[in-house]
Each structure stands twice: as C-alpha cells, then as structure tokens.
C-alpha atoms as a PDB file:
ATOM      1  CA  UNK A   1     -20.082 -63.591  50.636  1.00  0.00           C
ATOM      2  CA  UNK A   2     -21.787 -60.156  50.494  1.00  0.00           C
ATOM      3  CA  UNK A   3     -18.812 -58.228  51.864  1.00  0.00           C
ATOM      4  CA  UNK A   4     -16.149 -60.320  50.149  1.00  0.00           C
ATOM      5  CA  UNK A   5     -17.853 -62.244  47.329  1.00  0.00           C
ATOM      6  CA  UNK A   6     -14.686 -63.417  45.548  1.00  0.00           C
ATOM      7  CA  UNK A   7     -13.017 -64.484  48.800  1.00  0.00           C
ATOM      8  CA  UNK A   8     -16.152 -66.146  50.176  1.00  0.00           C
ATOM      9  CA  UNK A   9     -16.836 -67.834  46.841  1.00  0.00           C
ATOM     10  CA  UNK A  10     -13.275 -69.135  46.655  1.00  0.00           C
ATOM     11  CA  UNK A  11     -13.575 -70.580  50.173  1.00  0.00           C
ATOM     12  CA  UNK A  12     -16.896 -72.291  49.389  1.00  0.00           C
ATOM     13  CA  UNK A  13     -15.497 -73.637  46.106  1.00  0.00           C
ATOM     14  CA  UNK A  14     -12.514 -75.150  47.912  1.00  0.00           C
ATOM     15  CA  UNK A  15     -14.749 -76.665  50.597  1.00  0.00           C
ATOM     16  CA  UNK A  16     -16.898 -78.221  47.856  1.00  0.00           C
ATOM     17  CA  UNK A  17     -13.779 -79.640  46.164  1.00  0.00           C
ATOM     18  CA  UNK A  18     -12.765 -81.276  49.481  1.00  0.00           C
ATOM     19  CA  UNK A  19      -9.553 -79.245  49.562  1.00  0.00           C
ATOM     20  CA  UNK A  20      -9.630 -78.757  53.357  1.00  0.00           C
ATOM     21  CA  UNK A  21     -10.516 -82.386  54.155  1.00  0.00           C
ATOM     22  CA  UNK A  22      -7.755 -84.079  56.194  1.00  0.00           C
ATOM     23  CA  UNK A  23      -5.727 -80.862  56.276  1.00  0.00           C
ATOM     24  CA  UNK A  24      -3.590 -80.037  59.303  1.00  0.00           C
ATOM     25  CA  UNK A  25      -3.836 -76.855  61.327  1.00  0.00           C
ATOM     26  CA  UNK A  26      -0.597 -75.078  60.435  1.00  0.00           C
ATOM     27  CA  UNK A  27      -0.579 -72.218  62.915  1.00  0.00           C
ATOM     28  CA  UNK A  28      -2.075 -71.813  66.370  1.00  0.00           C
ATOM     29  CA  UNK A  29      -0.359 -69.091  68.347  1.00  0.00           C
ATOM     30  CA  UNK A  30      -2.993 -67.540  70.589  1.00  0.00           C
ATOM     31  CA  UNK A  31      -3.709 -64.802  68.010  1.00  0.00           C
ATOM     32  CA  UNK A  32      -4.998 -66.863  65.077  1.00  0.00           C
ATOM     33  CA  UNK A  33      -5.607 -70.463  64.043  1.00  0.00           C
ATOM     34  CA  UNK A  34      -4.590 -70.910  60.392  1.00  0.00           C
ATOM     35  CA  UNK A  35      -4.729 -73.608  57.732  1.00  0.00           C
ATOM     36  CA  UNK A  36      -4.985 -73.997  53.965  1.00  0.00           C
ATOM     37  CA  UNK A  37      -1.395 -74.526  52.803  1.00  0.00           C
ATOM     38  CA  UNK A  38      -0.984 -77.743  50.812  1.00  0.00           C
ATOM     39  CA  UNK A  39       1.357 -80.128  52.555  1.00  0.00           C
ATOM     40  CA  UNK A  40       3.030 -81.497  49.445  1.00  0.00           C
ATOM     41  CA  UNK A  41       5.113 -79.670  46.872  1.00  0.00           C
ATOM     42  CA  UNK A  42       6.243 -76.060  46.666  1.00  0.00           C
ATOM     43  CA  UNK A  43       2.821 -74.446  46.266  1.00  0.00           C
ATOM     44  CA  UNK A  44       1.664 -72.234  49.134  1.00  0.00           C
ATOM     45  CA  UNK A  45      -1.982 -72.473  48.099  1.00  0.00           C
ATOM     46  CA  UNK A  46      -4.527 -74.387  46.050  1.00  0.00           C
ATOM     47  CA  UNK A  47      -3.267 -75.283  42.592  1.00  0.00           C
ATOM     48  CA  UNK A  48      -6.031 -75.099  40.018  1.00  0.00           C
ATOM     49  CA  UNK A  49      -6.709 -73.923  36.518  1.00  0.00           C
ATOM     50  CA  UNK A  50      -6.181 -70.157  36.221  1.00  0.00           C
ATOM     51  CA  UNK A  51      -8.804 -68.068  34.435  1.00  0.00           C
ATOM     52  CA  UNK A  52      -9.303 -64.427  33.527  1.00  0.00           C
ATOM     53  CA  UNK A  53     -10.776 -63.862  36.977  1.00  0.00           C
ATOM     54  CA  UNK A  54      -8.179 -65.819  38.933  1.00  0.00           C
ATOM     55  CA  UNK A  55      -4.428 -65.447  38.414  1.00  0.00           C
ATOM     56  CA  UNK A  56      -1.717 -68.053  38.703  1.00  0.00           C
ATOM     57  CA  UNK A  57       0.921 -67.889  41.422  1.00  0.00           C
ATOM     58  CA  UNK A  58       4.624 -68.735  41.065  1.00  0.00           C
ATOM     59  CA  UNK A  59       4.003 -72.442  41.715  1.00  0.00           C
ATOM     60  CA  UNK A  60       0.654 -72.641  39.923  1.00  0.00           C
ATOM     61  CA  UNK A  61      -1.423 -71.446  42.892  1.00  0.00           C
ATOM     62  CA  UNK A  62      -4.840 -69.969  42.357  1.00  0.00           C
ATOM     63  CA  UNK A  63      -4.476 -66.344  43.471  1.00  0.00           C
ATOM     64  CA  UNK A  64      -7.285 -64.258  44.881  1.00  0.00           C
ATOM     65  CA  UNK A  65      -7.002 -60.456  45.090  1.00  0.00           C
ATOM     66  CA  UNK A  66      -7.418 -58.666  48.391  1.00  0.00           C
ATOM     67  CA  UNK A  67     -11.024 -57.548  48.677  1.00  0.00           C
ATOM     68  CA  UNK A  68     -12.050 -54.826  51.146  1.00  0.00           C
ATOM     69  CA  UNK A  69     -15.558 -53.410  51.635  1.00  0.00           C
ATOM     70  CA  UNK A  70     -15.614 -50.076  53.488  1.00  0.00           C
ATOM     71  CA  UNK A  71     -18.742 -48.831  55.212  1.00  0.00           C
ATOM     72  CA  UNK A  72     -20.557 -46.359  52.946  1.00  0.00           C
ATOM     73  CA  UNK A  73     -19.168 -47.792  49.683  1.00  0.00           C
ATOM     74  CA  UNK A  74     -21.406 -49.516  47.127  1.00  0.00           C
ATOM     75  CA  UNK A  75     -19.125 -52.542  46.913  1.00  0.00           C
ATOM     76  CA  UNK A  76     -15.669 -53.837  47.765  1.00  0.00           C
ATOM     77  CA  UNK A  77     -12.476 -52.579  46.175  1.00  0.00           C
ATOM     78  CA  UNK A  78      -9.769 -54.974  45.029  1.00  0.00           C
ATOM     79  CA  UNK A  79      -5.995 -55.361  44.834  1.00  0.00           C
ATOM     80  CA  UNK A  80      -5.336 -52.732  47.482  1.00  0.00           C
ATOM     81  CA  UNK A  81      -5.476 -52.180  51.232  1.00  0.00           C
ATOM     82  CA  UNK A  82      -7.374 -49.479  53.051  1.00  0.00           C
ATOM     83  CA  UNK A  83      -4.060 -47.690  53.722  1.00  0.00           C
ATOM     84  CA  UNK A  84      -3.045 -47.922  50.044  1.00  0.00           C
ATOM     85  CA  UNK A  85      -6.334 -46.213  49.203  1.00  0.00           C
ATOM     86  CA  UNK A  86      -5.573 -43.389  51.663  1.00  0.00           C
ATOM     87  CA  UNK A  87      -8.561 -44.347  53.805  1.00  0.00           C
ATOM     88  CA  UNK A  88      -6.880 -45.499  57.009  1.00  0.00           C
ATOM     89  CA  UNK A  89      -9.197 -45.324  60.001  1.00  0.00           C
ATOM     90  CA  UNK A  90     -12.403 -45.901  58.013  1.00  0.00           C
ATOM     91  CA  UNK A  91     -14.531 -48.833  59.126  1.00  0.00           C
ATOM     92  CA  UNK A  92     -14.968 -51.986  57.101  1.00  0.00           C
ATOM     93  CA  UNK A  93     -18.424 -53.541  56.728  1.00  0.00           C
ATOM     94  CA  UNK A  94     -17.288 -56.809  58.295  1.00  0.00           C
ATOM     95  CA  UNK A  95     -14.528 -56.002  60.812  1.00  0.00           C
ATOM     96  CA  UNK A  96     -12.212 -58.313  62.697  1.00  0.00           C
ATOM     97  CA  UNK A  97     -14.007 -57.459  65.912  1.00  0.00           C
ATOM     98  CA  UNK A  98     -14.973 -60.769  67.448  1.00  0.00           C
ATOM     99  CA  UNK A  99     -13.650 -64.150  68.388  1.00  0.00           C
ATOM    100  CA  UNK A 100     -13.899 -66.510  65.405  1.00  0.00           C
ATOM    101  CA  UNK A 101     -13.805 -63.863  62.665  1.00  0.00           C
ATOM    102  CA  UNK A 102     -12.589 -65.577  59.479  1.00  0.00           C
ATOM    103  CA  UNK A 103      -9.887 -63.884  57.439  1.00  0.00           C
ATOM    104  CA  UNK A 104      -8.142 -64.655  54.170  1.00  0.00           C
ATOM    105  CA  UNK A 105      -4.387 -65.033  54.586  1.00  0.00           C
ATOM    106  CA  UNK A 106      -1.865 -63.664  52.109  1.00  0.00           C
ATOM    107  CA  UNK A 107       1.758 -62.619  51.905  1.00  0.00           C
ATOM    108  CA  UNK A 108       2.147 -59.418  53.930  1.00  0.00           C
ATOM    109  CA  UNK A 109       3.635 -57.487  51.004  1.00  0.00           C
ATOM    110  CA  UNK A 110       1.571 -58.872  48.094  1.00  0.00           C
ATOM    111  CA  UNK A 111      -2.115 -57.962  48.193  1.00  0.00           C
ATOM    112  CA  UNK A 112      -2.942 -60.433  45.423  1.00  0.00           C
ATOM    113  CA  UNK A 113      -1.262 -63.500  46.935  1.00  0.00           C
ATOM    114  CA  UNK A 114      -4.237 -65.032  48.756  1.00  0.00           C
ATOM    115  CA  UNK A 115      -5.015 -68.556  47.576  1.00  0.00           C
ATOM    116  CA  UNK A 116      -6.429 -71.079  50.027  1.00  0.00           C
ATOM    117  CA  UNK A 117      -4.974 -70.175  53.420  1.00  0.00           C
ATOM    118  CA  UNK A 118      -7.391 -68.671  55.916  1.00  0.00           C
ATOM    119  CA  UNK A 119      -7.465 -67.999  59.626  1.00  0.00           C
ATOM    120  CA  UNK A 120      -9.812 -67.695  62.542  1.00  0.00           C
ATOM    121  CA  UNK A 121      -9.077 -64.740  64.776  1.00  0.00           C
ATOM    122  CA  UNK A 122      -8.806 -65.556  68.472  1.00  0.00           C
ATOM    123  CA  UNK A 123     -10.065 -62.106  69.358  1.00  0.00           C
ATOM    124  CA  UNK A 124      -8.540 -60.255  72.261  1.00  0.00           C
ATOM    125  CA  UNK A 125      -9.772 -56.684  72.727  1.00  0.00           C
ATOM    126  CA  UNK A 126      -6.321 -55.603  73.967  1.00  0.00           C
ATOM    127  CA  UNK A 127      -4.602 -56.887  70.801  1.00  0.00           C
ATOM    128  CA  UNK A 128      -7.349 -55.952  68.353  1.00  0.00           C
ATOM    129  CA  UNK A 129      -9.262 -52.941  69.706  1.00  0.00           C
ATOM    130  CA  UNK A 130     -12.317 -52.010  67.644  1.00  0.00           C
ATOM    131  CA  UNK A 131     -11.411 -49.728  64.759  1.00  0.00           C
ATOM    132  CA  UNK A 132      -7.700 -49.811  65.553  1.00  0.00           C
ATOM    133  CA  UNK A 133      -6.604 -53.351  64.851  1.00  0.00           C
ATOM    134  CA  UNK A 134      -3.961 -54.287  62.292  1.00  0.00           C
ATOM    135  CA  UNK A 135      -6.228 -56.600  60.284  1.00  0.00           C
ATOM    136  CA  UNK A 136      -9.188 -54.416  59.227  1.00  0.00           C
ATOM    137  CA  UNK A 137      -8.677 -53.119  55.725  1.00  0.00           C
ATOM    138  CA  UNK A 138      -5.505 -55.157  55.184  1.00  0.00           C
ATOM    139  CA  UNK A 139      -7.005 -58.644  55.007  1.00  0.00           C
ATOM    140  CA  UNK A 140     -10.478 -59.643  53.849  1.00  0.00           C
ATOM    141  CA  UNK A 141     -12.810 -60.697  56.643  1.00  0.00           C
ATOM    142  CA  UNK A 142     -15.308 -63.030  55.011  1.00  0.00           C
ATOM    143  CA  UNK A 143     -17.295 -64.468  57.888  1.00  0.00           C
ATOM    144  CA  UNK A 144     -17.652 -65.371  61.527  1.00  0.00           C
ATOM    145  CA  UNK A 145     -17.987 -68.652  63.360  1.00  0.00           C
ATOM    146  CA  UNK A 146     -21.576 -68.618  64.610  1.00  0.00           C
ATOM    147  CA  UNK A 147     -21.720 -72.009  66.350  1.00  0.00           C
ATOM    148  CA  UNK A 148     -19.118 -74.019  68.213  1.00  0.00           C
ATOM    149  CA  UNK A 149     -16.498 -71.289  68.386  1.00  0.00           C
ATOM    150  CA  UNK A 150     -15.338 -72.591  71.751  1.00  0.00           C
ATOM    151  CA  UNK A 151     -13.437 -75.379  69.954  1.00  0.00           C
ATOM    152  CA  UNK A 152     -11.056 -72.826  68.368  1.00  0.00           C
ATOM    153  CA  UNK A 153      -9.156 -72.217  71.601  1.00  0.00           C
ATOM    154  CA  UNK A 154      -8.340 -75.921  71.794  1.00  0.00           C
ATOM    155  CA  UNK A 155      -6.949 -76.285  68.245  1.00  0.00           C
ATOM    156  CA  UNK A 156      -3.207 -76.867  68.057  1.00  0.00           C
ATOM    157  CA  UNK A 157      -0.716 -77.101  65.205  1.00  0.00           C
ATOM    158  CA  UNK A 158      -0.948 -80.572  63.719  1.00  0.00           C
ATOM    159  CA  UNK A 159      -4.624 -81.101  64.547  1.00  0.00           C
ATOM    160  CA  UNK A 160      -6.564 -82.302  61.500  1.00  0.00           C
ATOM    161  CA  UNK A 161      -9.705 -80.972  59.840  1.00  0.00           C
ATOM    162  CA  UNK A 162     -11.304 -84.304  59.010  1.00  0.00           C
ATOM    163  CA  UNK A 163     -13.876 -82.712  56.721  1.00  0.00           C
ATOM    164  CA  UNK A 164     -15.397 -79.363  55.845  1.00  0.00           C
ATOM    165  CA  UNK A 165     -18.941 -78.922  54.583  1.00  0.00           C
ATOM    166  CA  UNK A 166     -21.139 -76.061  53.407  1.00  0.00           C
ATOM    167  CA  UNK A 167     -24.342 -76.453  55.432  1.00  0.00           C
ATOM    168  CA  UNK A 168     -26.460 -73.776  53.736  1.00  0.00           C
ATOM    169  CA  UNK A 169     -26.347 -71.132  51.033  1.00  0.00           C
ATOM    170  CA  UNK A 170     -24.572 -73.189  48.380  1.00  0.00           C
ATOM    171  CA  UNK A 171     -27.182 -72.147  45.825  1.00  0.00           C
ATOM    172  CA  UNK A 172     -25.745 -68.622  45.933  1.00  0.00           C
ATOM    173  CA  UNK A 173     -22.255 -69.631  44.770  1.00  0.00           C
ATOM    174  CA  UNK A 174     -21.527 -68.217  41.335  1.00  0.00           C
ATOM    175  CA  UNK A 175     -18.663 -69.724  39.379  1.00  0.00           C
ATOM    176  CA  UNK A 176     -16.361 -67.328  37.487  1.00  0.00           C
ATOM    177  CA  UNK A 177     -17.131 -66.913  33.834  1.00  0.00           C
ATOM    178  CA  UNK A 178     -14.356 -68.167  31.553  1.00  0.00           C
END
C-alpha cells in the first residue's frame, strides 16, 4: 500500500469483507486477467456506504480516485493521470513491468471510477516495454504476485475465485475517518 495506499487499502478492505469470494474471472484475454464486477444488478463495482473519502458511483458503487506515485515525488497524486499532469515519460514507483503486476481497473475516460475491479497483467515485453507501456501513470499499480504466478496463465473467463485472504500486513490497514 505504500505506492497506492487508498487503492491497496480498498483492495484489502474488500478482501476482508469477502467481496471477492466465489467471484468469477470476467476477463482473460492474454493481456490481463480481470475480476471484481458484481454479477447481480446494475452496479459495476462494490456497493457500500459512501463517506467523505470515498464517493458514490451512479449505481451506488464505492469509487476510488486514480492514485499515481511518480519516482522522486513525496507521495502519490490523485484524480489525474501522468499525462494529465504533463509528466508523460516519467517513471512510476511501482511500474507495470512484470508478469503478475496488479492494477486497479477503471473506466478509460473517468479517472475516479475505480471501485472493486482489478487486474493482473500478463506481462509481455513486446506489448508493455519498460517505461513505454500504456498502463504506467494511467492506472494504479498496487502490487505484484510474488508466489504462484504461474497459475495466472491458466485462468479463463468463468473460473471462480473460491476465496481471497490477506496473509500478512493486515495490521497496517487504516480505515477512512468519517
């Protein structure tokens, strides 16, 4: 959560709530594996109680702002992409530069539309060359798969996440203040 504390905290919170348990993989196209869209109703993300820190989407979704941490900055900036900030080409602290990088999905044209959908990048150096890929600075990268990443290549649309669990670091989660 250091490079994307709001995004990482939101993910951990949803894991703790059991949101991803029994959820289907919704996209698996050789570029990313993605999940996190509720399968019932109109909502495109987790529906929870909005607060001052977390906005409400058109169908009651919790909305998380885009959060980008550029190398050399003291912290991440929010609600904007690296291009919007006029900083295209600068390196992010946690880049999409390896197989299993975890990114927060959002609507392409709304930087504050992230909710509960995330993806694992199936890294290919031809598609995502270091420093020149289309994800860095546009989507928050909030972690990497560090064990068992070989299973990602076998995931298909319709496969089910039977359960998700935080295995360490839960004591660092800070809930938003009301």
